[in-house]
Amino acid sequence: MYYLFVSFDSLNETYNIRVARAKEITGPYTDWNGLFLSEQEAVPEKIGVKLLGSYQFEEEYAVYAPGHNSIFKRSDNELFIIHHARRQPFSDDFFLDVRKIYWLDSGWPVISAISYAKSIPEIPMKEDLIGTWEIIQFTAESSLISSEFVMLTDIQQMEKSYFWQGHEFTAYYETDSEERVLCLSGMDPNGMGFIGKKVPKESRGKTKGTT
C-alpha cells in the first residue's frame, strides 16, 4: 500500500495535513470514506483523512497551520513527519516540528499528539488508558480546535489498536520537558483524526464532561 501525505488550505492560518492511500504508486488515492483525492466535484474540506490541523491544548500555546510536510524514515525504520507550523496566524512566527508516525490496525497512519523528543519503548496497558483525557478532535473545517476533557471508560482492544465508541486509536508514551506523557492518536468513525494526552491524577478536577 502507498500513502500520499498532502497539505490543504492556506499556509497562513488554516494549513492542515491529510493522507490518502492506493494500491499502486500512481493511484488512485482514496480516503477513509472511499473518496478519491483527485475528486473535483466534492467539497475539498470533505476529502482526505485529516491527521493534523490548527489546535490548542489547555494552558499551552496554540499551534496554527501545520503543513508543508515530509516523511522521514530513521535507520531503525521508525517513521516521522516533519512540518512547519505557526504560533500566530498571518505572521512570520513559524517553526519546524517533528512528530512520530504511528499505525492503526486498520492500516491508517496517525500523527503523535506532541512534538518528538524521545519515545519511551514501554507499551501502555489497557487499564492505564482508563481515566480523563484532554482530546483534540479534528473536523473537516480548518479553524482552530480547542481541546476538550473526556473520560474514557469502556475501551476494547483488538491487536495494537484500541476502540472506544467507534473511535480507533493507538496509545503510547512520549517525552515532554523530560516528563513521561501518555498520549493517543486515532480516527473517529468519519475518518477524522484526533489526538490526546492523559490528564495526570492531580489535574483531574478540571474534567469538563464525560462520554
N, C-alpha and C. Protein backbone atom coordinates (compact mmCIF):
# COMPACT_ATOMS: atom_id res chain seq x y z
N MET A 1 0.85 -1.20 0.00
CA MET A 1 0.00 0.00 0.00
C MET A 1 0.88 1.25 0.00
N TYR A 2 0.46 2.25 -0.77
CA TYR A 2 1.19 3.53 -0.84
C TYR A 2 0.35 4.61 -0.17
N TYR A 3 1.05 5.52 0.51
CA TYR A 3 0.37 6.59 1.25
C TYR A 3 0.86 7.94 0.76
N LEU A 4 -0.09 8.82 0.49
CA LEU A 4 0.21 10.16 -0.01
C LEU A 4 -0.20 11.18 1.05
N PHE A 5 0.78 11.86 1.62
CA PHE A 5 0.53 12.91 2.61
C PHE A 5 0.49 14.25 1.89
N VAL A 6 -0.55 15.03 2.13
CA VAL A 6 -0.72 16.30 1.43
C VAL A 6 -1.06 17.40 2.42
N SER A 7 -0.84 18.64 2.00
CA SER A 7 -1.19 19.81 2.81
C SER A 7 -2.34 20.55 2.14
N PHE A 8 -3.37 20.85 2.90
CA PHE A 8 -4.56 21.53 2.41
C PHE A 8 -4.61 22.97 2.91
N ASP A 9 -5.22 23.85 2.12
CA ASP A 9 -5.64 25.19 2.53
C ASP A 9 -4.47 26.17 2.65
N SER A 10 -4.72 27.30 3.33
CA SER A 10 -3.77 28.41 3.38
C SER A 10 -2.67 28.19 4.40
N LEU A 11 -1.42 28.38 4.00
CA LEU A 11 -0.30 28.20 4.93
C LEU A 11 -0.27 29.29 6.00
N ASN A 12 -1.05 30.36 5.84
CA ASN A 12 -1.04 31.46 6.82
C ASN A 12 -1.80 31.13 8.10
N GLU A 13 -2.81 30.26 7.98
CA GLU A 13 -3.65 30.04 9.16
C GLU A 13 -4.31 28.66 9.18
N THR A 14 -4.78 28.19 8.04
CA THR A 14 -5.64 27.01 8.01
C THR A 14 -5.00 25.78 7.36
N TYR A 15 -3.71 25.83 7.15
CA TYR A 15 -2.99 24.66 6.64
C TYR A 15 -3.32 23.44 7.49
N ASN A 16 -3.45 22.28 6.88
CA ASN A 16 -3.63 21.05 7.63
C ASN A 16 -3.11 19.88 6.82
N ILE A 17 -2.79 18.80 7.50
CA ILE A 17 -2.17 17.63 6.88
C ILE A 17 -3.19 16.51 6.75
N ARG A 18 -3.27 15.97 5.53
CA ARG A 18 -4.19 14.86 5.26
C ARG A 18 -3.46 13.74 4.55
N VAL A 19 -4.10 12.59 4.51
CA VAL A 19 -3.48 11.43 3.88
C VAL A 19 -4.53 10.62 3.12
N ALA A 20 -4.09 9.96 2.07
CA ALA A 20 -4.91 9.00 1.33
C ALA A 20 -3.99 7.86 0.93
N ARG A 21 -4.56 6.75 0.48
CA ARG A 21 -3.72 5.60 0.15
C ARG A 21 -4.19 4.94 -1.14
N ALA A 22 -3.27 4.16 -1.73
CA ALA A 22 -3.56 3.50 -3.01
C ALA A 22 -2.77 2.20 -3.09
N LYS A 23 -3.26 1.28 -3.91
CA LYS A 23 -2.55 0.01 -4.11
C LYS A 23 -1.38 0.16 -5.07
N GLU A 24 -1.44 1.18 -5.92
CA GLU A 24 -0.36 1.47 -6.87
C GLU A 24 0.17 2.87 -6.60
N ILE A 25 1.46 3.09 -6.84
CA ILE A 25 2.05 4.40 -6.55
C ILE A 25 1.43 5.49 -7.42
N THR A 26 0.90 5.13 -8.57
CA THR A 26 0.27 6.10 -9.47
C THR A 26 -1.18 6.37 -9.11
N GLY A 27 -1.70 5.69 -8.10
CA GLY A 27 -3.07 5.91 -7.66
C GLY A 27 -4.04 4.93 -8.31
N PRO A 28 -5.34 5.20 -8.14
CA PRO A 28 -5.93 6.37 -7.48
C PRO A 28 -5.86 6.28 -5.95
N TYR A 29 -5.69 7.43 -5.31
CA TYR A 29 -5.59 7.51 -3.86
C TYR A 29 -6.97 7.81 -3.26
N THR A 30 -7.37 7.02 -2.29
CA THR A 30 -8.67 7.20 -1.66
C THR A 30 -8.51 7.42 -0.16
N ASP A 31 -9.54 8.04 0.43
CA ASP A 31 -9.50 8.31 1.86
C ASP A 31 -10.29 7.25 2.63
N TRP A 32 -10.48 7.50 3.90
CA TRP A 32 -11.20 6.59 4.80
C TRP A 32 -12.58 6.24 4.26
N ASN A 33 -13.24 7.21 3.64
CA ASN A 33 -14.60 7.04 3.14
C ASN A 33 -14.67 6.61 1.69
N GLY A 34 -13.52 6.32 1.09
CA GLY A 34 -13.51 5.87 -0.29
C GLY A 34 -13.53 6.96 -1.33
N LEU A 35 -13.43 8.22 -0.91
CA LEU A 35 -13.40 9.33 -1.87
C LEU A 35 -12.01 9.44 -2.49
N PHE A 36 -11.99 9.72 -3.79
CA PHE A 36 -10.72 9.91 -4.48
C PHE A 36 -10.12 11.26 -4.11
N LEU A 37 -8.82 11.27 -3.87
CA LEU A 37 -8.14 12.52 -3.54
C LEU A 37 -8.21 13.50 -4.71
N SER A 38 -8.37 12.98 -5.91
CA SER A 38 -8.45 13.82 -7.11
C SER A 38 -9.87 14.25 -7.43
N GLU A 39 -10.82 13.97 -6.55
CA GLU A 39 -12.22 14.31 -6.75
C GLU A 39 -12.38 15.81 -6.99
N GLN A 40 -13.10 16.17 -8.05
CA GLN A 40 -13.28 17.58 -8.41
C GLN A 40 -14.65 18.13 -8.03
N GLU A 41 -15.62 17.26 -7.77
CA GLU A 41 -16.98 17.72 -7.53
C GLU A 41 -17.28 17.91 -6.04
N ALA A 42 -16.66 17.12 -5.19
CA ALA A 42 -16.96 17.20 -3.76
C ALA A 42 -16.34 18.45 -3.13
N VAL A 43 -16.87 18.84 -1.98
CA VAL A 43 -16.31 19.96 -1.23
C VAL A 43 -14.90 19.56 -0.78
N PRO A 44 -13.88 20.38 -1.08
CA PRO A 44 -12.49 19.99 -0.76
C PRO A 44 -12.27 19.60 0.69
N GLU A 45 -12.93 20.30 1.63
CA GLU A 45 -12.72 20.01 3.05
C GLU A 45 -13.17 18.60 3.44
N LYS A 46 -14.02 17.99 2.61
CA LYS A 46 -14.54 16.67 2.92
C LYS A 46 -13.65 15.54 2.41
N ILE A 47 -12.60 15.87 1.69
CA ILE A 47 -11.75 14.86 1.05
C ILE A 47 -10.46 14.67 1.85
N GLY A 48 -10.03 13.43 1.94
CA GLY A 48 -8.77 13.14 2.63
C GLY A 48 -8.98 12.86 4.11
N VAL A 49 -8.09 12.08 4.67
CA VAL A 49 -8.11 11.79 6.10
C VAL A 49 -7.30 12.86 6.81
N LYS A 50 -7.97 13.72 7.55
CA LYS A 50 -7.29 14.82 8.23
C LYS A 50 -6.58 14.30 9.47
N LEU A 51 -5.26 14.44 9.49
CA LEU A 51 -4.45 13.94 10.59
C LEU A 51 -4.07 15.02 11.59
N LEU A 52 -3.87 16.25 11.10
CA LEU A 52 -3.38 17.32 11.97
C LEU A 52 -3.78 18.66 11.39
N GLY A 53 -4.33 19.52 12.24
CA GLY A 53 -4.70 20.88 11.85
C GLY A 53 -4.40 21.83 13.00
N SER A 54 -4.86 23.05 12.90
CA SER A 54 -4.64 24.03 13.96
C SER A 54 -5.35 23.57 15.25
N TYR A 55 -4.65 23.66 16.38
CA TYR A 55 -5.24 23.18 17.62
C TYR A 55 -4.59 23.89 18.81
N GLN A 56 -5.23 23.71 19.97
CA GLN A 56 -4.68 24.25 21.21
C GLN A 56 -5.09 23.40 22.39
N PHE A 57 -4.09 22.83 23.07
CA PHE A 57 -4.34 22.19 24.35
C PHE A 57 -4.45 23.28 25.42
N GLU A 58 -5.22 23.00 26.47
CA GLU A 58 -5.39 23.98 27.55
C GLU A 58 -4.04 24.29 28.18
N GLU A 59 -3.83 25.58 28.47
CA GLU A 59 -2.61 26.07 29.12
C GLU A 59 -1.36 25.87 28.26
N GLU A 60 -1.56 25.76 26.95
CA GLU A 60 -0.43 25.67 26.03
C GLU A 60 -0.63 26.66 24.89
N TYR A 61 0.46 27.01 24.22
CA TYR A 61 0.36 27.87 23.05
C TYR A 61 -0.41 27.16 21.95
N ALA A 62 -1.14 27.94 21.17
CA ALA A 62 -1.84 27.39 20.01
C ALA A 62 -0.83 27.00 18.93
N VAL A 63 -1.16 25.98 18.18
CA VAL A 63 -0.38 25.57 17.02
C VAL A 63 -1.24 25.82 15.79
N TYR A 64 -0.78 26.73 14.94
CA TYR A 64 -1.53 27.07 13.74
C TYR A 64 -0.85 26.51 12.49
N ALA A 65 -1.68 26.10 11.56
CA ALA A 65 -1.26 25.81 10.19
C ALA A 65 -0.13 24.79 10.06
N PRO A 66 -0.23 23.62 10.69
CA PRO A 66 0.79 22.61 10.44
C PRO A 66 0.68 22.09 9.01
N GLY A 67 1.80 22.03 8.32
CA GLY A 67 1.75 21.56 6.93
C GLY A 67 3.10 21.61 6.27
N HIS A 68 3.07 21.55 4.93
CA HIS A 68 4.29 21.52 4.11
C HIS A 68 5.18 20.40 4.61
N ASN A 69 4.60 19.20 4.65
CA ASN A 69 5.23 18.09 5.37
C ASN A 69 6.09 17.19 4.49
N SER A 70 7.03 16.52 5.15
CA SER A 70 7.85 15.48 4.54
C SER A 70 7.90 14.29 5.50
N ILE A 71 8.07 13.10 4.95
CA ILE A 71 8.16 11.89 5.75
C ILE A 71 9.61 11.43 5.81
N PHE A 72 10.06 11.12 7.01
CA PHE A 72 11.45 10.72 7.23
C PHE A 72 11.49 9.33 7.87
N LYS A 73 12.27 8.42 7.29
CA LYS A 73 12.45 7.09 7.87
C LYS A 73 13.83 7.01 8.52
N ARG A 74 13.83 6.74 9.82
CA ARG A 74 15.08 6.62 10.57
C ARG A 74 15.73 5.27 10.27
N SER A 75 16.98 5.11 10.66
CA SER A 75 17.72 3.89 10.37
C SER A 75 17.08 2.65 10.99
N ASP A 76 16.27 2.84 12.05
CA ASP A 76 15.58 1.71 12.68
C ASP A 76 14.19 1.49 12.10
N ASN A 77 13.91 2.18 10.96
CA ASN A 77 12.64 2.08 10.23
C ASN A 77 11.47 2.79 10.90
N GLU A 78 11.71 3.52 11.97
CA GLU A 78 10.66 4.35 12.56
C GLU A 78 10.39 5.53 11.63
N LEU A 79 9.11 5.88 11.49
CA LEU A 79 8.72 6.97 10.59
C LEU A 79 8.38 8.23 11.38
N PHE A 80 8.75 9.37 10.81
CA PHE A 80 8.46 10.67 11.40
C PHE A 80 7.92 11.60 10.33
N ILE A 81 7.11 12.54 10.74
CA ILE A 81 6.64 13.58 9.83
C ILE A 81 7.27 14.90 10.27
N ILE A 82 7.82 15.61 9.31
CA ILE A 82 8.46 16.90 9.56
C ILE A 82 7.62 17.97 8.88
N HIS A 83 7.22 18.98 9.62
CA HIS A 83 6.35 20.01 9.05
C HIS A 83 6.63 21.34 9.72
N HIS A 84 6.14 22.40 9.12
CA HIS A 84 6.23 23.68 9.80
C HIS A 84 4.87 24.04 10.38
N ALA A 85 4.86 24.95 11.33
CA ALA A 85 3.63 25.44 11.96
C ALA A 85 3.88 26.86 12.44
N ARG A 86 2.81 27.53 12.87
CA ARG A 86 2.92 28.92 13.32
C ARG A 86 2.33 29.07 14.72
N ARG A 87 2.86 30.05 15.45
CA ARG A 87 2.30 30.39 16.76
C ARG A 87 1.20 31.44 16.62
N GLN A 88 1.28 32.23 15.56
CA GLN A 88 0.28 33.24 15.27
C GLN A 88 -0.06 33.16 13.79
N PRO A 89 -1.35 33.25 13.42
CA PRO A 89 -1.70 33.23 12.00
C PRO A 89 -1.25 34.51 11.31
N PHE A 90 -0.98 34.40 10.02
CA PHE A 90 -0.58 35.55 9.20
C PHE A 90 0.62 36.27 9.81
N SER A 91 1.60 35.51 10.24
CA SER A 91 2.79 36.11 10.82
C SER A 91 4.01 35.31 10.39
N ASP A 92 5.20 35.84 10.71
CA ASP A 92 6.44 35.12 10.44
C ASP A 92 6.87 34.27 11.63
N ASP A 93 5.99 34.14 12.61
CA ASP A 93 6.31 33.37 13.81
C ASP A 93 6.03 31.89 13.55
N PHE A 94 6.88 31.28 12.73
CA PHE A 94 6.71 29.87 12.41
C PHE A 94 7.91 29.07 12.91
N PHE A 95 7.75 27.76 12.96
CA PHE A 95 8.80 26.89 13.48
C PHE A 95 8.72 25.52 12.81
N LEU A 96 9.80 24.77 12.91
CA LEU A 96 9.86 23.41 12.38
C LEU A 96 9.47 22.44 13.48
N ASP A 97 8.66 21.47 13.13
CA ASP A 97 8.20 20.49 14.11
C ASP A 97 8.44 19.08 13.58
N VAL A 98 8.73 18.16 14.49
CA VAL A 98 8.94 16.75 14.15
C VAL A 98 8.02 15.92 15.04
N ARG A 99 7.27 15.03 14.44
CA ARG A 99 6.37 14.16 15.20
C ARG A 99 6.51 12.73 14.69
N LYS A 100 6.25 11.81 15.57
CA LYS A 100 6.34 10.40 15.20
C LYS A 100 5.04 9.93 14.56
N ILE A 101 5.16 9.01 13.62
CA ILE A 101 4.00 8.41 12.97
C ILE A 101 3.74 7.04 13.61
N TYR A 102 2.49 6.81 13.97
CA TYR A 102 2.06 5.52 14.49
C TYR A 102 1.04 4.92 13.52
N TRP A 103 0.73 3.64 13.71
CA TRP A 103 -0.17 2.94 12.79
C TRP A 103 -1.31 2.28 13.54
N LEU A 104 -2.49 2.33 12.93
CA LEU A 104 -3.66 1.65 13.46
C LEU A 104 -3.80 0.28 12.82
N ASP A 105 -4.54 -0.61 13.46
CA ASP A 105 -4.78 -1.93 12.89
C ASP A 105 -5.50 -1.85 11.56
N SER A 106 -6.27 -0.80 11.34
CA SER A 106 -6.99 -0.61 10.09
C SER A 106 -6.07 -0.25 8.94
N GLY A 107 -4.79 -0.03 9.23
CA GLY A 107 -3.83 0.27 8.18
C GLY A 107 -3.60 1.74 7.91
N TRP A 108 -4.19 2.61 8.74
CA TRP A 108 -4.04 4.05 8.54
C TRP A 108 -2.97 4.62 9.48
N PRO A 109 -2.19 5.57 8.99
CA PRO A 109 -1.21 6.24 9.85
C PRO A 109 -1.87 7.33 10.68
N VAL A 110 -1.32 7.60 11.84
CA VAL A 110 -1.75 8.73 12.67
C VAL A 110 -0.49 9.44 13.17
N ILE A 111 -0.67 10.68 13.58
CA ILE A 111 0.46 11.53 13.97
C ILE A 111 0.46 11.73 15.48
N SER A 112 1.62 11.75 16.08
CA SER A 112 1.74 11.88 17.54
C SER A 112 1.13 13.18 18.04
N ALA A 113 0.67 13.14 19.28
CA ALA A 113 -0.03 14.27 19.87
C ALA A 113 0.90 15.42 20.24
N ILE A 114 2.18 15.12 20.43
CA ILE A 114 3.13 16.15 20.84
C ILE A 114 4.39 16.05 19.98
N SER A 115 5.18 17.11 20.00
CA SER A 115 6.43 17.13 19.25
C SER A 115 7.37 16.05 19.76
N TYR A 116 8.17 15.52 18.86
CA TYR A 116 9.06 14.42 19.22
C TYR A 116 10.26 14.92 20.01
N ALA A 117 10.51 14.27 21.12
CA ALA A 117 11.72 14.49 21.90
C ALA A 117 12.43 13.16 22.09
N LYS A 118 11.70 12.22 22.68
CA LYS A 118 12.21 10.86 22.84
C LYS A 118 11.04 9.95 23.15
N SER A 119 10.91 8.89 22.37
CA SER A 119 9.87 7.91 22.64
C SER A 119 10.30 6.99 23.77
N ILE A 120 9.32 6.45 24.44
CA ILE A 120 9.56 5.51 25.53
C ILE A 120 9.06 4.15 25.06
N PRO A 121 9.91 3.13 25.04
CA PRO A 121 9.51 1.84 24.48
C PRO A 121 8.42 1.12 25.25
N GLU A 122 8.16 1.52 26.48
CA GLU A 122 7.12 0.87 27.28
C GLU A 122 5.76 0.98 26.59
N ILE A 123 5.04 -0.14 26.52
CA ILE A 123 3.72 -0.16 25.90
C ILE A 123 2.67 -0.01 27.00
N PRO A 124 1.76 0.97 26.88
CA PRO A 124 0.74 1.16 27.90
C PRO A 124 -0.17 -0.07 28.01
N MET A 125 -0.61 -0.36 29.21
CA MET A 125 -1.59 -1.42 29.43
C MET A 125 -2.99 -0.83 29.26
N LYS A 126 -3.94 -1.69 28.96
CA LYS A 126 -5.32 -1.23 28.75
C LYS A 126 -5.84 -0.46 29.95
N GLU A 127 -5.54 -0.94 31.15
CA GLU A 127 -6.03 -0.26 32.35
C GLU A 127 -5.41 1.12 32.54
N ASP A 128 -4.25 1.35 31.94
CA ASP A 128 -3.62 2.67 32.02
C ASP A 128 -4.42 3.73 31.27
N LEU A 129 -5.25 3.28 30.34
CA LEU A 129 -5.98 4.21 29.48
C LEU A 129 -7.27 4.71 30.11
N ILE A 130 -7.75 4.01 31.12
CA ILE A 130 -8.99 4.42 31.77
C ILE A 130 -8.74 5.71 32.55
N GLY A 131 -9.60 6.70 32.32
CA GLY A 131 -9.45 7.97 33.04
C GLY A 131 -9.74 9.16 32.16
N THR A 132 -9.29 10.31 32.60
CA THR A 132 -9.59 11.57 31.93
C THR A 132 -8.49 11.91 30.92
N TRP A 133 -8.93 12.28 29.73
CA TRP A 133 -8.02 12.66 28.65
C TRP A 133 -8.36 14.05 28.14
N GLU A 134 -7.33 14.75 27.70
CA GLU A 134 -7.53 16.03 27.01
C GLU A 134 -7.42 15.74 25.51
N ILE A 135 -8.54 15.88 24.81
CA ILE A 135 -8.66 15.41 23.43
C ILE A 135 -8.81 16.57 22.46
N ILE A 136 -8.11 16.49 21.34
CA ILE A 136 -8.32 17.37 20.19
C ILE A 136 -8.98 16.54 19.11
N GLN A 137 -10.23 16.83 18.80
CA GLN A 137 -10.94 16.13 17.73
C GLN A 137 -10.98 17.01 16.49
N PHE A 138 -10.23 16.65 15.47
CA PHE A 138 -10.21 17.44 14.25
C PHE A 138 -11.50 17.26 13.47
N THR A 139 -11.87 18.30 12.73
CA THR A 139 -13.05 18.28 11.88
C THR A 139 -12.64 18.60 10.46
N ALA A 140 -13.59 18.51 9.54
CA ALA A 140 -13.28 18.79 8.14
C ALA A 140 -12.86 20.24 7.94
N GLU A 141 -13.46 21.15 8.72
CA GLU A 141 -13.12 22.56 8.61
C GLU A 141 -11.73 22.82 9.18
N SER A 142 -11.18 23.98 8.84
CA SER A 142 -9.77 24.25 9.16
C SER A 142 -9.56 25.25 10.28
N SER A 143 -10.59 25.56 11.05
CA SER A 143 -10.44 26.52 12.13
C SER A 143 -9.69 25.90 13.31
N LEU A 144 -9.24 26.76 14.23
CA LEU A 144 -8.53 26.30 15.42
C LEU A 144 -9.45 25.43 16.28
N ILE A 145 -8.96 24.25 16.67
CA ILE A 145 -9.72 23.34 17.51
C ILE A 145 -9.16 23.39 18.93
N SER A 146 -10.03 23.66 19.89
CA SER A 146 -9.62 23.66 21.30
C SER A 146 -9.88 22.29 21.91
N SER A 147 -9.09 21.92 22.88
CA SER A 147 -9.22 20.60 23.50
C SER A 147 -10.46 20.52 24.38
N GLU A 148 -10.90 19.30 24.58
CA GLU A 148 -11.99 19.00 25.50
C GLU A 148 -11.55 17.87 26.42
N PHE A 149 -12.07 17.88 27.64
CA PHE A 149 -11.74 16.83 28.59
C PHE A 149 -12.80 15.73 28.52
N VAL A 150 -12.34 14.51 28.33
CA VAL A 150 -13.23 13.37 28.12
C VAL A 150 -12.80 12.22 29.02
N MET A 151 -13.77 11.55 29.62
CA MET A 151 -13.50 10.37 30.43
C MET A 151 -13.63 9.13 29.56
N LEU A 152 -12.56 8.37 29.43
CA LEU A 152 -12.59 7.12 28.69
C LEU A 152 -12.75 5.97 29.68
N THR A 153 -13.76 5.14 29.45
CA THR A 153 -14.01 4.02 30.35
C THR A 153 -14.13 2.70 29.59
N ASP A 154 -15.12 2.60 28.73
CA ASP A 154 -15.40 1.34 28.04
C ASP A 154 -14.50 1.20 26.82
N ILE A 155 -13.30 0.69 27.02
CA ILE A 155 -12.30 0.58 25.95
C ILE A 155 -12.11 -0.88 25.59
N GLN A 156 -12.14 -1.16 24.29
CA GLN A 156 -11.89 -2.51 23.80
C GLN A 156 -10.55 -2.55 23.07
N GLN A 157 -9.87 -3.68 23.15
CA GLN A 157 -8.58 -3.83 22.48
C GLN A 157 -8.65 -4.97 21.48
N MET A 158 -8.13 -4.71 20.27
CA MET A 158 -8.04 -5.76 19.25
C MET A 158 -6.61 -6.30 19.25
N GLU A 159 -5.77 -5.79 18.36
CA GLU A 159 -4.36 -6.17 18.36
C GLU A 159 -3.57 -5.01 18.96
N LYS A 160 -3.10 -4.09 18.10
CA LYS A 160 -2.40 -2.93 18.62
C LYS A 160 -3.35 -1.76 18.84
N SER A 161 -4.50 -1.79 18.18
CA SER A 161 -5.45 -0.69 18.29
C SER A 161 -6.42 -0.90 19.45
N TYR A 162 -6.90 0.24 19.98
CA TYR A 162 -7.98 0.26 20.96
C TYR A 162 -9.20 0.88 20.30
N PHE A 163 -10.39 0.53 20.83
CA PHE A 163 -11.63 1.06 20.29
C PHE A 163 -12.48 1.61 21.42
N TRP A 164 -13.04 2.78 21.16
CA TRP A 164 -13.89 3.46 22.15
C TRP A 164 -14.98 4.20 21.38
N GLN A 165 -16.23 3.74 21.55
CA GLN A 165 -17.38 4.36 20.90
C GLN A 165 -17.15 4.57 19.40
N GLY A 166 -16.63 3.56 18.74
CA GLY A 166 -16.41 3.63 17.30
C GLY A 166 -15.14 4.33 16.88
N HIS A 167 -14.39 4.86 17.84
CA HIS A 167 -13.11 5.51 17.57
C HIS A 167 -11.97 4.49 17.69
N GLU A 168 -11.13 4.43 16.69
CA GLU A 168 -9.96 3.55 16.74
C GLU A 168 -8.72 4.39 17.07
N PHE A 169 -7.92 3.91 18.01
CA PHE A 169 -6.73 4.69 18.37
C PHE A 169 -5.61 3.79 18.86
N THR A 170 -4.43 4.35 18.88
CA THR A 170 -3.27 3.70 19.47
C THR A 170 -2.76 4.57 20.61
N ALA A 171 -2.20 3.96 21.62
CA ALA A 171 -1.69 4.70 22.78
C ALA A 171 -0.20 4.44 22.93
N TYR A 172 0.51 5.43 23.45
CA TYR A 172 1.97 5.35 23.51
C TYR A 172 2.47 6.38 24.52
N TYR A 173 3.71 6.18 24.95
CA TYR A 173 4.37 7.14 25.83
C TYR A 173 5.36 7.98 25.02
N GLU A 174 5.38 9.27 25.28
CA GLU A 174 6.39 10.15 24.71
C GLU A 174 6.95 11.03 25.84
N THR A 175 7.97 11.78 25.51
CA THR A 175 8.63 12.64 26.50
C THR A 175 8.36 14.10 26.19
N ASP A 176 7.94 14.85 27.20
CA ASP A 176 7.70 16.29 27.05
C ASP A 176 8.34 16.98 28.25
N SER A 177 9.34 17.83 27.98
CA SER A 177 10.06 18.53 29.06
C SER A 177 10.59 17.54 30.10
N GLU A 178 11.16 16.45 29.59
CA GLU A 178 11.77 15.40 30.42
C GLU A 178 10.76 14.60 31.23
N GLU A 179 9.48 14.80 31.01
CA GLU A 179 8.46 14.05 31.72
C GLU A 179 7.79 13.05 30.79
N ARG A 180 7.44 11.90 31.32
CA ARG A 180 6.74 10.89 30.54
C ARG A 180 5.28 11.28 30.39
N VAL A 181 4.78 11.24 29.16
CA VAL A 181 3.40 11.62 28.88
C VAL A 181 2.71 10.48 28.14
N LEU A 182 1.55 10.06 28.63
CA LEU A 182 0.76 9.04 27.95
C LEU A 182 -0.13 9.74 26.92
N CYS A 183 0.02 9.36 25.67
CA CYS A 183 -0.68 10.02 24.57
C CYS A 183 -1.48 9.00 23.77
N LEU A 184 -2.38 9.51 22.94
CA LEU A 184 -3.09 8.68 21.98
C LEU A 184 -3.28 9.43 20.68
N SER A 185 -3.45 8.68 19.60
CA SER A 185 -3.76 9.23 18.28
C SER A 185 -4.68 8.23 17.59
N GLY A 186 -5.69 8.74 16.89
CA GLY A 186 -6.62 7.82 16.26
C GLY A 186 -7.52 8.45 15.23
N MET A 187 -8.54 7.68 14.84
CA MET A 187 -9.53 8.11 13.85
C MET A 187 -10.93 7.94 14.43
N ASP A 188 -11.79 8.92 14.15
CA ASP A 188 -13.18 8.77 14.54
C ASP A 188 -13.93 7.98 13.45
N PRO A 189 -15.20 7.64 13.66
CA PRO A 189 -15.93 6.83 12.67
C PRO A 189 -16.07 7.50 11.31
N ASN A 190 -15.86 8.82 11.24
CA ASN A 190 -15.98 9.55 9.98
C ASN A 190 -14.64 9.73 9.27
N GLY A 191 -13.58 9.16 9.83
CA GLY A 191 -12.28 9.28 9.19
C GLY A 191 -11.58 10.59 9.48
N MET A 192 -11.87 11.21 10.60
CA MET A 192 -11.17 12.41 11.02
C MET A 192 -10.26 12.07 12.20
N GLY A 193 -9.05 12.57 12.17
CA GLY A 193 -8.09 12.24 13.20
C GLY A 193 -8.37 12.92 14.53
N PHE A 194 -7.85 12.35 15.58
CA PHE A 194 -7.87 13.00 16.89
C PHE A 194 -6.60 12.63 17.64
N ILE A 195 -6.19 13.51 18.52
CA ILE A 195 -5.01 13.30 19.35
C ILE A 195 -5.37 13.62 20.79
N GLY A 196 -4.59 13.11 21.73
CA GLY A 196 -4.91 13.40 23.11
C GLY A 196 -3.78 13.08 24.06
N LYS A 197 -3.90 13.63 25.27
CA LYS A 197 -2.94 13.40 26.34
C LYS A 197 -3.70 13.01 27.61
N LYS A 198 -3.19 12.02 28.31
CA LYS A 198 -3.82 11.60 29.57
C LYS A 198 -3.62 12.70 30.61
N VAL A 199 -4.69 13.02 31.32
CA VAL A 199 -4.62 14.05 32.35
C VAL A 199 -4.06 13.44 33.63
N PRO A 200 -3.01 14.02 34.20
CA PRO A 200 -2.46 13.49 35.46
C PRO A 200 -3.52 13.49 36.56
N LYS A 201 -3.39 12.58 37.50
CA LYS A 201 -4.38 12.46 38.56
C LYS A 201 -4.60 13.76 39.33
N GLU A 202 -3.52 14.50 39.53
CA GLU A 202 -3.65 15.73 40.31
C GLU A 202 -4.41 16.82 39.58
N SER A 203 -4.66 16.62 38.27
CA SER A 203 -5.35 17.64 37.48
C SER A 203 -6.75 17.23 37.10
N ARG A 204 -7.23 16.10 37.58
CA ARG A 204 -8.49 15.56 37.08
C ARG A 204 -9.72 16.33 37.52
N GLY A 205 -9.57 17.26 38.43
CA GLY A 205 -10.70 18.08 38.80
C GLY A 205 -11.14 19.02 37.71
N LYS A 206 -10.32 19.13 36.64
CA LYS A 206 -10.64 20.03 35.54
C LYS A 206 -11.60 19.42 34.53
N THR A 207 -11.97 18.16 34.70
CA THR A 207 -12.79 17.48 33.71
C THR A 207 -14.07 18.25 33.44
N LYS A 208 -14.32 18.54 32.15
CA LYS A 208 -15.49 19.32 31.77
C LYS A 208 -16.69 18.44 31.43
N GLY A 209 -16.44 17.19 31.14
CA GLY A 209 -17.55 16.33 30.78
C GLY A 209 -17.07 14.91 30.59
N THR A 210 -17.99 13.98 30.59
CA THR A 210 -17.65 12.59 30.36
C THR A 210 -18.47 12.06 29.20
N THR A 211 -17.94 11.05 28.58
CA THR A 211 -18.63 10.46 27.44
C THR A 211 -18.59 8.94 27.57
